[in-house]
Amino acid sequence: MTTGATPQIENLTETLQRHLGLQQAQTFWPEDLVADAIARLVRRRGNVERVRRLWDRDRAHELVDGFRPEEHREALDRLRRVLDANLVVQRQRDGSPKTFRPFLPELVTNQKIGTVFRELGRTAIDVLWRDDEIKKGIETLVRGWRTRHPLALALAPLTVGVDEPPSQPSNLAELLREGGDAALKQWGETVVRQDWITWLRAARGLTVDEQLETMTALVCLHLHVALLSRLASTRPIVFLAVAGQDMDRACARSAYNVYGFWGERAYQALRRVASEAIDRARMLVPGWESLATIKELAAWAAVPIKGPRSVNERFHDLVSGAAADPRANARDALIDALTEAFSTPSGVVTKVRDFLRGTGRAAGIVGPDAYRARKRYQLDERAIELLARLHVHRPPDEVASAEEERLGIDAFLDDLFHRYGFVVTRERGPVRDALRGEGLRPILRLLPGDEAMRRNRALLERRFDELRLVRRYSDASAVLHVV
């Protein structure tokens, strides 16, 4: 082995983000993701310091023309309570607002964009909204919020607009442009495009708050499925237990296990990029190509990683420990050490799982929402209403089902599986046929039995009735119906 030059291993946090198409594997707020996307779309943000001053009790009165304490102080307190409940998303450590819902582009702060918004909006405008018709439709809609939403009307005088430069391509857009995932690219050009064209049609009858809520849910639904696609070795499959106190126990257990399965795939993805990173590092420096013996493994204890000192120290300790075991396989031990060095409680794998949880909760397919509650895949009323609304407004020829009644629940279930890989019941022929794939065995072992799935489907129908999302013509005949 040559002792002159020493290779360097790349930062696996960045590598895994590029591999999975994530902009930043960090904890995020769904409303801020959409706010960042809107600001990038319309190329407009704002200086929101005057809006934040409303929470400064010593200076808020400066914003009121002709301020009279006996008349206006109580009104300011009431205004703050309204804004706390309906406008504020993130808060500073002192409790003051950090970010706001984007009822105006000027309410999207122009300060510390990369850290505040994690740059996640880039993926939305580059991939989900890449079609010109969609961009134009969304821009027209959100610009109309300025005159339709009372908080936008009230706060507009306190904002200062700042032009936004063109957004740089996202990691997912670069991945798809370079031909890294043909199936995911095809999904984006068909399913995602159809969903957003349909959403624009469905959003016309909604209030501004409902438009923002459903926009956020749909963005997070698409980002969640896209991440599953990158984590999967075949098409992603998710079993959704229908949420509620009467959830079937077997379905609940399966939903827990399926959620855990996809979380574990994040660790496997890190191991994969660790293996590839080691190969790249070896090939760059002549003499480091071989990893045939434990003696050669020991030399890697001095190889640096582009990353924090703590990661380097952990990697070097792990390599040194593995090199002391004469029974170890040198290559496998090095991959293990590099993977473990990045697998810290706050490391990239944890953040990828956070992203799965965050997008899933915002889309209404991961819960329960209770703090520290063990998460599972479950279909709650937010997702049911969103998916039903999209289905009702979808052109009949875009519904992926052989059912003659395209608004029926059977057609809805077929289309749900086709678009997102979501399984509610195995009773449907297209679902049953697709689940016979050889590569799906790991996930199929986690699914509940047929009887439990039938109860899950019956529970979904009851949810449709409770939410008044169906119109029944008889006990055996019902179609989805959205007011």
Protein backbone atom coordinates (compact mmCIF):
# COMPACT_ATOMS: atom_id res chain seq x y z
CA MET A 1 0.00 0.00 0.00
CA THR A 2 1.33 3.45 -0.92
CA THR A 3 2.02 5.58 2.13
CA GLY A 4 2.46 8.94 0.39
CA ALA A 5 -1.08 10.13 -0.42
CA THR A 6 -4.05 9.40 1.81
CA PRO A 7 -7.62 9.22 0.52
CA GLN A 8 -10.46 11.21 2.01
CA ILE A 9 -14.01 9.97 2.51
CA GLU A 10 -16.89 12.22 1.54
CA ASN A 11 -19.51 13.46 3.98
CA LEU A 12 -22.20 10.76 3.95
CA THR A 13 -24.88 13.15 5.17
CA GLU A 14 -24.62 15.08 1.91
CA THR A 15 -24.18 11.90 -0.14
CA LEU A 16 -27.30 10.27 1.30
CA GLN A 17 -29.32 13.45 0.77
CA ARG A 18 -28.34 13.48 -2.91
CA HIS A 19 -29.01 9.76 -3.23
CA LEU A 20 -32.50 10.08 -1.75
CA GLY A 21 -33.31 13.37 -3.47
CA LEU A 22 -33.71 15.24 -0.18
CA GLN A 23 -32.71 18.88 -0.04
CA GLN A 24 -31.85 18.81 3.63
CA ALA A 25 -32.48 15.84 5.90
CA GLN A 26 -33.60 18.02 8.79
CA THR A 27 -36.61 18.52 11.02
CA PHE A 28 -39.03 20.88 9.26
CA TRP A 29 -42.45 22.50 9.50
CA PRO A 30 -44.82 21.59 6.62
CA GLU A 31 -46.27 25.11 6.37
CA ASP A 32 -42.74 26.51 6.05
CA LEU A 33 -41.94 24.05 3.30
CA VAL A 34 -44.88 25.36 1.29
CA ALA A 35 -44.08 28.99 2.21
CA ASP A 36 -40.56 28.54 0.83
CA ALA A 37 -41.96 26.99 -2.34
CA ILE A 38 -44.44 29.84 -2.85
CA ALA A 39 -41.76 32.49 -2.34
CA ARG A 40 -39.49 30.78 -4.85
CA LEU A 41 -42.36 30.40 -7.31
CA VAL A 42 -43.41 34.06 -7.28
CA ARG A 43 -39.81 35.24 -6.65
CA ARG A 44 -40.91 37.37 -3.73
CA ARG A 45 -40.24 37.34 0.01
CA GLY A 46 -40.51 39.97 2.68
CA ASN A 47 -38.87 41.79 5.54
CA VAL A 48 -41.21 40.85 8.40
CA GLU A 49 -39.56 42.77 11.23
CA ARG A 50 -42.48 45.19 11.55
CA VAL A 51 -44.93 42.28 11.75
CA ARG A 52 -42.83 40.68 14.48
CA ARG A 53 -42.91 43.96 16.39
CA LEU A 54 -46.58 43.27 17.16
CA TRP A 55 -45.30 40.82 19.80
CA ASP A 56 -43.03 43.43 21.38
CA ARG A 57 -45.27 44.89 24.09
CA ASP A 58 -42.95 47.85 24.52
CA ARG A 59 -42.97 48.86 20.85
CA ALA A 60 -46.14 47.40 19.30
CA HIS A 61 -48.02 50.66 19.91
CA GLU A 62 -45.67 52.41 17.44
CA LEU A 63 -47.45 50.55 14.64
CA VAL A 64 -50.83 52.08 15.51
CA ASP A 65 -51.53 55.51 14.09
CA GLY A 66 -52.91 57.76 16.84
CA PHE A 67 -52.40 55.12 19.53
CA ARG A 68 -54.55 55.62 22.64
CA PRO A 69 -53.77 53.11 25.43
CA GLU A 70 -57.29 53.01 26.83
CA GLU A 71 -58.72 52.07 23.40
CA HIS A 72 -55.97 50.22 21.54
CA ARG A 73 -53.93 48.20 24.04
CA GLU A 74 -56.63 45.59 24.58
CA ALA A 75 -57.23 45.45 20.82
CA LEU A 76 -53.53 44.73 20.24
CA ASP A 77 -53.67 41.90 22.78
CA ARG A 78 -56.65 40.40 20.99
CA LEU A 79 -54.90 40.74 17.63
CA ARG A 80 -51.84 38.92 18.96
CA ARG A 81 -54.02 36.03 20.15
CA VAL A 82 -55.63 35.76 16.72
CA LEU A 83 -52.25 35.83 14.98
CA ASP A 84 -50.80 33.26 17.40
CA ALA A 85 -53.61 30.87 16.53
CA ASN A 86 -53.84 31.47 12.78
CA LEU A 87 -50.58 32.90 11.46
CA VAL A 88 -47.49 31.85 13.43
CA VAL A 89 -45.68 28.65 12.40
CA GLN A 90 -42.23 28.66 14.06
CA ARG A 91 -41.17 30.58 17.16
CA GLN A 92 -37.86 31.92 18.42
CA ARG A 93 -36.46 30.70 21.73
CA ASP A 94 -37.99 33.72 23.45
CA GLY A 95 -41.44 32.81 22.11
CA SER A 96 -41.62 35.51 19.45
CA PRO A 97 -42.62 34.51 15.90
CA LYS A 98 -39.99 33.19 13.52
CA THR A 99 -42.11 32.26 10.49
CA PHE A 100 -45.66 32.85 9.32
CA ARG A 101 -48.17 31.15 7.06
CA PRO A 102 -47.74 32.46 3.52
CA PHE A 103 -51.04 34.28 3.05
CA LEU A 104 -48.78 36.89 1.45
CA PRO A 105 -45.38 36.14 -0.17
CA GLU A 106 -44.16 39.14 1.81
CA LEU A 107 -44.90 37.20 5.02
CA VAL A 108 -42.19 34.68 4.04
CA THR A 109 -39.05 36.00 5.70
CA ASN A 110 -35.99 36.78 3.60
CA GLN A 111 -33.60 36.19 6.51
CA LYS A 112 -31.50 33.02 6.92
CA ILE A 113 -33.50 31.20 4.27
CA GLY A 114 -31.31 28.10 4.18
CA THR A 115 -31.60 27.39 7.88
CA VAL A 116 -35.14 28.62 8.47
CA PHE A 117 -36.76 26.80 5.54
CA ARG A 118 -34.14 24.07 4.93
CA GLU A 119 -34.43 25.00 1.22
CA LEU A 120 -37.16 22.37 0.94
CA GLY A 121 -39.30 24.55 -1.30
CA ARG A 122 -36.86 23.97 -4.13
CA THR A 123 -38.08 20.40 -4.53
CA ALA A 124 -41.71 21.50 -4.76
CA ILE A 125 -41.19 24.01 -7.57
CA ASP A 126 -38.57 21.93 -9.42
CA VAL A 127 -40.32 18.56 -9.35
CA LEU A 128 -43.91 18.74 -8.12
CA TRP A 129 -44.79 22.02 -9.83
CA ARG A 130 -42.37 21.78 -12.75
CA ASP A 131 -45.15 21.93 -15.37
CA ASP A 132 -45.77 25.48 -16.62
CA GLU A 133 -49.54 25.08 -16.40
CA ILE A 134 -49.26 24.11 -12.74
CA LYS A 135 -46.86 26.94 -11.91
CA LYS A 136 -49.10 29.49 -13.57
CA GLY A 137 -52.22 28.14 -11.86
CA ILE A 138 -50.67 28.09 -8.38
CA GLU A 139 -49.14 31.54 -8.81
CA THR A 140 -52.48 33.00 -9.89
CA LEU A 141 -54.21 31.36 -6.94
CA VAL A 142 -51.76 32.44 -4.22
CA ARG A 143 -51.56 36.00 -5.52
CA GLY A 144 -55.31 36.16 -5.01
CA TRP A 145 -54.95 35.40 -1.30
CA ARG A 146 -53.83 39.00 -0.75
CA THR A 147 -57.37 40.28 -1.27
CA ARG A 148 -59.28 37.23 -0.02
CA HIS A 149 -57.75 36.51 3.37
CA PRO A 150 -58.47 38.97 6.21
CA LEU A 151 -55.04 38.56 7.80
CA ALA A 152 -53.34 39.27 4.48
CA LEU A 153 -55.39 42.44 4.11
CA ALA A 154 -54.65 43.53 7.68
CA LEU A 155 -50.91 42.84 7.68
CA ALA A 156 -49.96 43.86 4.14
CA PRO A 157 -49.13 47.47 5.21
CA LEU A 158 -46.60 46.14 7.74
CA THR A 159 -44.62 44.06 5.24
CA VAL A 160 -41.81 45.12 2.92
CA GLY A 161 -41.41 43.07 -0.26
CA VAL A 162 -38.00 41.74 -1.33
CA ASP A 163 -37.33 40.26 -4.76
CA GLU A 164 -36.17 36.64 -4.77
CA PRO A 165 -33.50 35.51 -7.27
CA PRO A 166 -34.23 32.43 -9.42
CA SER A 167 -34.10 29.21 -7.39
CA GLN A 168 -31.27 26.73 -7.89
CA PRO A 169 -32.17 23.13 -8.88
CA SER A 170 -33.01 20.76 -6.06
CA ASN A 171 -31.26 17.47 -5.33
CA LEU A 172 -34.29 15.51 -6.54
CA ALA A 173 -34.50 17.52 -9.75
CA GLU A 174 -30.80 16.90 -10.43
CA LEU A 175 -31.23 13.21 -9.70
CA LEU A 176 -34.10 12.90 -12.18
CA ARG A 177 -32.39 15.06 -14.79
CA GLU A 178 -29.34 12.82 -14.73
CA GLY A 179 -31.48 9.73 -15.30
CA GLY A 180 -30.98 8.38 -11.78
CA ASP A 181 -34.51 7.00 -11.41
CA ALA A 182 -36.59 6.54 -14.56
CA ALA A 183 -39.60 5.10 -12.69
CA LEU A 184 -39.74 8.03 -10.28
CA LYS A 185 -39.40 10.49 -13.14
CA GLN A 186 -42.29 8.83 -14.95
CA TRP A 187 -44.38 8.96 -11.77
CA GLY A 188 -43.69 12.68 -11.45
CA GLU A 189 -44.61 13.39 -15.07
CA THR A 190 -47.90 11.48 -14.85
CA VAL A 191 -49.34 10.95 -11.35
CA VAL A 192 -47.92 14.09 -9.75
CA ARG A 193 -48.84 16.30 -12.70
CA GLN A 194 -52.39 14.90 -12.80
CA ASP A 195 -52.79 15.43 -9.06
CA TRP A 196 -51.82 19.10 -9.21
CA ILE A 197 -53.95 19.88 -12.25
CA THR A 198 -56.84 18.22 -10.41
CA TRP A 199 -56.04 20.09 -7.20
CA LEU A 200 -56.18 23.42 -9.03
CA ARG A 201 -59.62 22.46 -10.26
CA ALA A 202 -60.79 21.33 -6.84
CA ALA A 203 -59.32 24.35 -5.02
CA ARG A 204 -61.60 26.86 -6.73
CA GLY A 205 -64.41 26.24 -4.26
CA LEU A 206 -62.23 26.27 -1.14
CA THR A 207 -61.43 29.06 1.28
CA VAL A 208 -57.87 30.38 1.43
CA ASP A 209 -57.18 28.42 4.63
CA GLU A 210 -58.49 25.24 3.01
CA GLN A 211 -56.42 25.88 -0.10
CA LEU A 212 -53.25 26.26 1.96
CA GLU A 213 -54.07 23.23 4.10
CA THR A 214 -54.75 20.92 1.15
CA MET A 215 -51.77 22.30 -0.79
CA THR A 216 -49.51 21.50 2.15
CA ALA A 217 -50.97 18.01 2.52
CA LEU A 218 -50.55 17.23 -1.18
CA VAL A 219 -46.96 18.53 -1.31
CA CYS A 220 -46.08 16.37 1.68
CA LEU A 221 -47.91 13.35 0.27
CA HIS A 222 -45.88 13.53 -2.94
CA LEU A 223 -42.58 14.11 -1.13
CA HIS A 224 -43.32 11.17 1.17
CA VAL A 225 -44.03 8.78 -1.72
CA ALA A 226 -40.99 10.06 -3.62
CA LEU A 227 -38.77 9.29 -0.64
CA LEU A 228 -40.31 5.82 -0.29
CA SER A 229 -39.53 5.25 -3.97
CA ARG A 230 -35.88 6.10 -3.39
CA LEU A 231 -35.75 3.84 -0.33
CA ALA A 232 -37.41 0.94 -2.12
CA SER A 233 -35.75 -1.72 -4.21
CA THR A 234 -39.10 -2.25 -5.98
CA ARG A 235 -42.27 -0.15 -6.06
CA PRO A 236 -43.16 1.20 -2.60
CA ILE A 237 -46.09 -0.47 -0.83
CA VAL A 238 -47.74 1.00 2.27
CA PHE A 239 -50.53 -0.57 4.28
CA LEU A 240 -52.83 2.10 5.73
CA ALA A 241 -54.93 1.25 8.75
CA VAL A 242 -58.00 3.47 8.91
CA ALA A 243 -57.66 5.71 11.98
CA GLY A 244 -60.17 5.62 14.81
CA GLN A 245 -60.90 4.04 18.17
CA ASP A 246 -62.42 1.05 16.37
CA MET A 247 -59.23 0.36 14.38
CA ASP A 248 -58.67 -3.37 13.96
CA ARG A 249 -55.81 -4.63 16.16
CA ALA A 250 -54.25 -6.73 13.44
CA CYS A 251 -54.34 -3.75 11.10
CA ALA A 252 -52.81 -1.48 13.74
CA ARG A 253 -49.97 -3.95 14.31
CA SER A 254 -49.34 -4.24 10.58
CA ALA A 255 -49.37 -0.45 10.17
CA TYR A 256 -46.73 -0.16 12.93
CA ASN A 257 -44.57 -2.80 11.29
CA VAL A 258 -44.81 -1.31 7.80
CA TYR A 259 -43.86 2.10 9.13
CA GLY A 260 -40.89 0.57 10.92
CA PHE A 261 -39.89 -1.30 7.76
CA TRP A 262 -39.57 1.92 5.76
CA GLY A 263 -37.71 3.62 8.57
CA GLU A 264 -35.18 0.79 8.58
CA ARG A 265 -34.68 1.24 4.84
CA ALA A 266 -33.06 4.60 5.63
CA TYR A 267 -30.28 2.76 7.48
CA GLN A 268 -29.85 0.36 4.56
CA ALA A 269 -29.57 3.33 2.20
CA LEU A 270 -26.82 4.81 4.37
CA ARG A 271 -24.95 1.51 4.28
CA ARG A 272 -25.21 1.49 0.51
CA VAL A 273 -23.80 4.99 0.06
CA ALA A 274 -21.08 4.16 2.61
CA SER A 275 -19.97 1.24 0.45
CA GLU A 276 -19.91 3.42 -2.67
CA ALA A 277 -18.06 6.22 -0.86
CA ILE A 278 -15.32 3.83 0.23
CA ASP A 279 -14.91 2.58 -3.36
CA ARG A 280 -14.61 6.14 -4.66
CA ALA A 281 -12.04 7.04 -2.00
CA ARG A 282 -9.98 3.94 -2.79
CA MET A 283 -9.93 4.56 -6.52
CA LEU A 284 -8.78 8.17 -6.19
CA VAL A 285 -5.45 7.29 -4.55
CA PRO A 286 -3.25 4.62 -6.16
CA GLY A 287 -2.25 1.89 -3.78
CA TRP A 288 -5.46 2.00 -1.71
CA GLU A 289 -7.50 -0.18 -4.09
CA SER A 290 -7.17 -3.38 -2.05
CA LEU A 291 -9.01 -4.26 1.13
CA ALA A 292 -8.07 -7.90 1.19
CA THR A 293 -6.55 -8.18 4.67
CA ILE A 294 -7.04 -6.88 8.20
CA LYS A 295 -3.60 -5.26 8.00
CA GLU A 296 -4.83 -3.09 5.14
CA LEU A 297 -7.98 -2.25 7.12
CA ALA A 298 -5.86 -0.84 9.96
CA ALA A 299 -4.48 1.87 7.65
CA TRP A 300 -8.00 3.31 7.27
CA ALA A 301 -7.97 4.36 10.91
CA ALA A 302 -5.99 7.41 9.77
CA VAL A 303 -8.22 8.27 6.77
CA PRO A 304 -10.14 11.52 7.29
CA ILE A 305 -13.83 12.12 6.59
CA LYS A 306 -15.24 15.38 5.30
CA GLY A 307 -17.38 16.05 8.31
CA PRO A 308 -17.45 16.86 12.02
CA ARG A 309 -14.57 15.87 14.30
CA SER A 310 -16.92 13.65 16.30
CA VAL A 311 -17.71 11.57 13.20
CA ASN A 312 -14.01 11.23 12.38
CA GLU A 313 -13.14 10.16 15.90
CA ARG A 314 -15.95 7.61 16.03
CA PHE A 315 -14.96 6.19 12.62
CA HIS A 316 -11.30 5.88 13.57
CA ASP A 317 -12.15 4.15 16.87
CA LEU A 318 -14.45 1.69 15.12
CA VAL A 319 -11.89 0.89 12.42
CA SER A 320 -9.16 0.36 15.00
CA GLY A 321 -11.40 -1.97 16.96
CA ALA A 322 -12.33 -3.98 13.86
CA ALA A 323 -8.68 -4.23 12.78
CA ALA A 324 -7.87 -5.91 16.08
CA ASP A 325 -10.17 -8.83 15.23
CA PRO A 326 -8.35 -11.31 12.95
CA ARG A 327 -11.65 -12.94 11.98
CA ALA A 328 -13.13 -9.73 10.52
CA ASN A 329 -13.78 -9.24 6.82
CA ALA A 330 -11.86 -6.07 5.98
CA ARG A 331 -14.31 -4.56 3.51
CA ASP A 332 -17.43 -5.38 5.50
CA ALA A 333 -15.83 -4.07 8.69
CA LEU A 334 -14.91 -0.78 7.00
CA ILE A 335 -18.44 -0.33 5.66
CA ASP A 336 -19.85 -1.11 9.11
CA ALA A 337 -17.54 1.42 10.75
CA LEU A 338 -18.37 4.20 8.30
CA THR A 339 -22.10 3.52 8.54
CA GLU A 340 -22.05 3.50 12.33
CA ALA A 341 -19.97 6.69 12.45
CA PHE A 342 -22.87 8.55 10.81
CA SER A 343 -25.62 6.64 12.68
CA THR A 344 -25.83 8.89 15.71
CA PRO A 345 -29.07 9.82 17.55
CA SER A 346 -29.10 13.12 15.63
CA GLY A 347 -27.46 11.73 12.48
CA VAL A 348 -28.70 11.57 8.92
CA VAL A 349 -30.67 8.32 9.31
CA THR A 350 -32.66 9.82 12.17
CA LYS A 351 -33.31 12.92 10.09
CA VAL A 352 -34.50 10.87 7.11
CA ARG A 353 -36.92 9.10 9.42
CA ASP A 354 -38.00 12.50 10.75
CA PHE A 355 -38.70 13.56 7.17
CA LEU A 356 -40.83 10.45 6.60
CA ARG A 357 -42.75 11.15 9.80
CA GLY A 358 -43.13 14.87 9.12
CA THR A 359 -44.38 14.52 5.56
CA GLY A 360 -46.61 11.60 6.52
CA ARG A 361 -48.23 13.46 9.41
CA ALA A 362 -48.86 16.55 7.26
CA ALA A 363 -50.42 14.37 4.57
CA GLY A 364 -52.62 12.56 7.10
CA ILE A 365 -51.11 9.10 6.57
CA VAL A 366 -48.85 8.83 9.66
CA GLY A 367 -50.04 9.08 13.24
CA PRO A 368 -51.20 9.28 15.91
CA ASP A 369 -50.34 12.92 16.55
CA ALA A 370 -50.04 12.51 20.33
CA TYR A 371 -46.61 13.47 21.66
CA ARG A 372 -44.24 10.48 21.94
CA ALA A 373 -46.93 8.14 20.61
CA ARG A 374 -45.55 5.25 18.59
CA LYS A 375 -46.17 6.10 14.95
CA ARG A 376 -47.83 3.94 12.33
CA TYR A 377 -49.26 4.31 8.85
CA GLN A 378 -52.88 5.30 9.29
CA LEU A 379 -55.43 7.08 7.15
CA ASP A 380 -57.02 9.96 9.06
CA GLU A 381 -59.77 12.36 8.07
CA ARG A 382 -57.35 14.93 6.57
CA ALA A 383 -56.06 12.41 4.05
CA ILE A 384 -59.50 10.90 3.46
CA GLU A 385 -60.99 14.30 2.62
CA LEU A 386 -58.05 15.32 0.41
CA LEU A 387 -57.93 12.05 -1.52
CA ALA A 388 -61.71 11.93 -1.91
CA ARG A 389 -61.79 15.52 -3.18
CA LEU A 390 -59.07 14.79 -5.73
CA HIS A 391 -60.84 11.63 -6.85
CA VAL A 392 -64.16 13.40 -7.38
CA HIS A 393 -62.55 16.16 -9.45
CA ARG A 394 -60.29 13.84 -11.43
CA PRO A 395 -61.18 13.25 -15.11
CA PRO A 396 -62.70 9.74 -15.43
CA ASP A 397 -60.05 8.63 -17.92
CA GLU A 398 -57.31 9.31 -15.35
CA VAL A 399 -58.80 6.96 -12.74
CA ALA A 400 -56.74 3.75 -12.82
CA SER A 401 -59.53 1.21 -12.41
CA ALA A 402 -61.55 -1.17 -14.54
CA GLU A 403 -64.68 -0.32 -12.53
CA GLU A 404 -67.46 1.19 -14.62
CA GLU A 405 -68.46 3.56 -11.82
CA ARG A 406 -65.36 5.75 -11.57
CA LEU A 407 -66.68 7.62 -8.51
CA GLY A 408 -67.29 4.40 -6.59
CA ILE A 409 -65.24 3.37 -3.57
CA ASP A 410 -63.84 0.34 -5.42
CA ALA A 411 -62.44 2.59 -8.16
CA PHE A 412 -61.07 4.90 -5.47
CA LEU A 413 -59.18 2.03 -3.82
CA ASP A 414 -57.76 0.85 -7.16
CA ASP A 415 -56.56 4.33 -8.01
CA LEU A 416 -55.10 4.88 -4.54
CA PHE A 417 -52.90 1.82 -4.97
CA HIS A 418 -51.92 2.72 -8.53
CA ARG A 419 -50.88 6.28 -7.66
CA TYR A 420 -49.18 5.89 -4.30
CA GLY A 421 -48.86 2.19 -3.50
CA PHE A 422 -51.39 2.56 -0.65
CA VAL A 423 -53.20 -0.62 0.39
CA VAL A 424 -56.39 -0.49 2.45
CA THR A 425 -57.64 -3.98 1.54
CA ARG A 426 -56.42 -6.89 -0.55
CA GLU A 427 -59.94 -7.60 -1.88
CA ARG A 428 -59.37 -5.56 -5.02
CA GLY A 429 -58.14 -7.58 -8.02
CA PRO A 430 -55.51 -5.08 -9.24
CA VAL A 431 -54.06 -4.86 -5.74
CA ARG A 432 -54.06 -8.63 -5.22
CA ASP A 433 -52.38 -9.23 -8.60
CA ALA A 434 -49.71 -6.58 -8.02
CA LEU A 435 -48.85 -7.99 -4.59
CA ARG A 436 -47.77 -11.29 -6.13
CA GLY A 437 -44.46 -9.75 -7.22
CA GLU A 438 -41.41 -11.73 -6.11
CA GLY A 439 -39.53 -8.68 -4.86
CA LEU A 440 -42.36 -7.67 -2.52
CA ARG A 441 -42.01 -10.56 -0.07
CA PRO A 442 -40.37 -8.51 2.74
CA ILE A 443 -43.30 -6.09 2.87
CA LEU A 444 -45.96 -8.74 2.19
CA ARG A 445 -44.98 -10.61 5.36
CA LEU A 446 -46.04 -7.55 7.33
CA LEU A 447 -49.56 -7.22 5.91
CA PRO A 448 -52.58 -8.36 7.96
CA GLY A 449 -54.85 -11.22 6.95
CA ASP A 450 -57.70 -10.93 4.49
CA GLU A 451 -60.41 -10.78 7.17
CA ALA A 452 -58.65 -7.93 8.99
CA MET A 453 -58.32 -6.08 5.70
CA ARG A 454 -62.02 -6.49 5.01
CA ARG A 455 -62.77 -4.90 8.38
CA ASN A 456 -60.35 -2.11 7.49
CA ARG A 457 -62.21 -1.43 4.26
CA ALA A 458 -65.57 -1.48 6.10
CA LEU A 459 -64.18 1.05 8.57
CA LEU A 460 -63.14 3.31 5.68
CA GLU A 461 -66.67 3.20 4.30
CA ARG A 462 -68.02 4.22 7.71
CA ARG A 463 -65.55 7.12 7.76
CA PHE A 464 -66.82 8.24 4.37
CA ASP A 465 -70.36 8.22 5.75
CA GLU A 466 -69.38 10.12 8.90
CA LEU A 467 -67.55 12.77 6.87
CA ARG A 468 -70.47 12.97 4.40
CA LEU A 469 -68.21 12.14 1.49
CA VAL A 470 -70.51 9.56 -0.12
CA ARG A 471 -73.91 9.63 -1.71
CA ARG A 472 -75.76 6.34 -1.24
CA TYR A 473 -78.38 5.08 -3.66
CA SER A 474 -78.79 1.76 -1.84
CA ASP A 475 -76.89 -0.39 0.68
CA ALA A 476 -74.84 -1.78 -2.19
CA SER A 477 -74.44 1.38 -4.24
CA ALA A 478 -72.53 4.48 -3.20
CA VAL A 479 -70.37 7.07 -4.94
CA LEU A 480 -67.95 9.61 -3.57
CA HIS A 481 -69.48 13.04 -3.27
CA VAL A 482 -67.79 16.27 -2.19
CA VAL A 483 -69.70 19.48 -1.63
